């Protein structure tokens, strides 16, 4: 099973025209990903990444809501663990 989490592009390296790369911020974890095949992306955009390749661009509002829900789920799980359930 794979969970697609949106990440925010924080920098783009297009020095290699055959392999455009970006640094992607996933909630404070920075990963490199290829953005070569995604059209019209720029710093500040959200993308879905799998195995080091950006699969598609995601609407900012949708991405931020997804991140908010994931954070809330994480908080709820931590609360349950703290209660011993």
Protein backbone atom coordinates (compact mmCIF):
# COMPACT_ATOMS: atom_id res chain seq x y z
CA UNK A 1 0.00 0.00 0.00
CA UNK A 2 1.23 3.48 -0.82
CA UNK A 3 0.10 6.73 0.75
CA UNK A 4 0.42 9.80 -1.44
CA UNK A 5 1.33 12.84 0.62
CA UNK A 6 1.62 16.29 -0.94
CA UNK A 7 4.95 18.05 -0.65
CA UNK A 8 5.83 21.69 -1.33
CA UNK A 9 8.56 22.58 -3.82
CA UNK A 10 11.15 24.73 -2.04
CA UNK A 11 13.81 24.89 -4.77
CA UNK A 12 14.30 23.82 -8.37
CA UNK A 13 17.54 22.72 -10.03
CA UNK A 14 17.22 22.87 -13.80
CA UNK A 15 20.97 22.86 -14.50
CA UNK A 16 20.58 19.45 -16.16
CA UNK A 17 18.01 19.98 -18.93
CA UNK A 18 17.39 16.23 -19.17
CA UNK A 19 16.62 15.74 -15.46
CA UNK A 20 14.94 18.70 -13.77
CA UNK A 21 15.06 18.15 -9.99
CA UNK A 22 13.48 19.85 -6.99
CA UNK A 23 13.79 19.87 -3.24
CA UNK A 24 10.40 18.99 -1.78
CA UNK A 25 9.32 19.75 1.80
CA UNK A 26 7.16 17.02 3.36
CA UNK A 27 6.28 18.49 6.75
CA UNK A 28 9.87 19.43 7.57
CA UNK A 29 11.49 16.45 5.84
CA UNK A 30 13.27 17.59 2.69
CA UNK A 31 13.62 15.14 -0.20
CA UNK A 32 14.94 15.43 -3.74
CA UNK A 33 12.55 14.48 -6.53
CA UNK A 34 12.51 14.55 -10.31
CA UNK A 35 9.99 17.04 -11.71
CA UNK A 36 11.06 16.63 -15.33
CA UNK A 37 7.69 15.39 -16.59
CA UNK A 38 5.40 17.74 -14.67
CA UNK A 39 4.41 20.81 -16.64
CA UNK A 40 4.21 24.30 -15.23
CA UNK A 41 5.57 23.76 -11.71
CA UNK A 42 7.36 26.38 -9.68
CA UNK A 43 8.62 27.04 -6.17
CA UNK A 44 5.69 27.01 -3.76
CA UNK A 45 3.65 24.47 -5.74
CA UNK A 46 2.56 21.18 -4.18
CA UNK A 47 3.24 17.87 -5.90
CA UNK A 48 2.63 14.19 -5.23
CA UNK A 49 5.89 12.18 -5.31
CA UNK A 50 6.40 8.43 -5.60
CA UNK A 51 9.78 6.69 -5.70
CA UNK A 52 11.59 9.98 -6.28
CA UNK A 53 9.41 11.17 -9.18
CA UNK A 54 6.72 13.85 -9.06
CA UNK A 55 3.54 12.32 -10.44
CA UNK A 56 1.33 15.38 -10.56
CA UNK A 57 0.79 18.90 -9.32
CA UNK A 58 -1.82 19.38 -6.56
CA UNK A 59 -4.05 22.37 -5.90
CA UNK A 60 -2.68 24.37 -2.94
CA UNK A 61 -5.97 24.40 -1.03
CA UNK A 62 -6.43 20.64 -1.49
CA UNK A 63 -2.82 19.95 -0.49
CA UNK A 64 -3.03 22.07 2.67
CA UNK A 65 -6.33 20.44 3.68
CA UNK A 66 -4.82 16.96 3.16
CA UNK A 67 -1.81 17.89 5.29
CA UNK A 68 -4.11 19.29 7.99
CA UNK A 69 -6.14 16.07 8.08
CA UNK A 70 -3.01 13.90 8.21
CA UNK A 71 -1.66 15.97 11.10
CA UNK A 72 -4.98 15.64 12.93
CA UNK A 73 -4.99 11.85 12.40
CA UNK A 74 -1.45 11.68 13.76
CA UNK A 75 -2.42 13.71 16.81
CA UNK A 76 -5.43 11.46 17.47
CA UNK A 77 -3.25 8.34 17.23
CA UNK A 78 -0.75 9.85 19.66
CA UNK A 79 -3.58 10.65 22.08
CA UNK A 80 -4.83 7.05 21.86
CA UNK A 81 -1.31 5.71 22.50
CA UNK A 82 -0.92 8.01 25.50
CA UNK A 83 -4.17 6.64 26.93
CA UNK A 84 -2.88 3.08 26.54
CA UNK A 85 -5.51 2.01 23.99
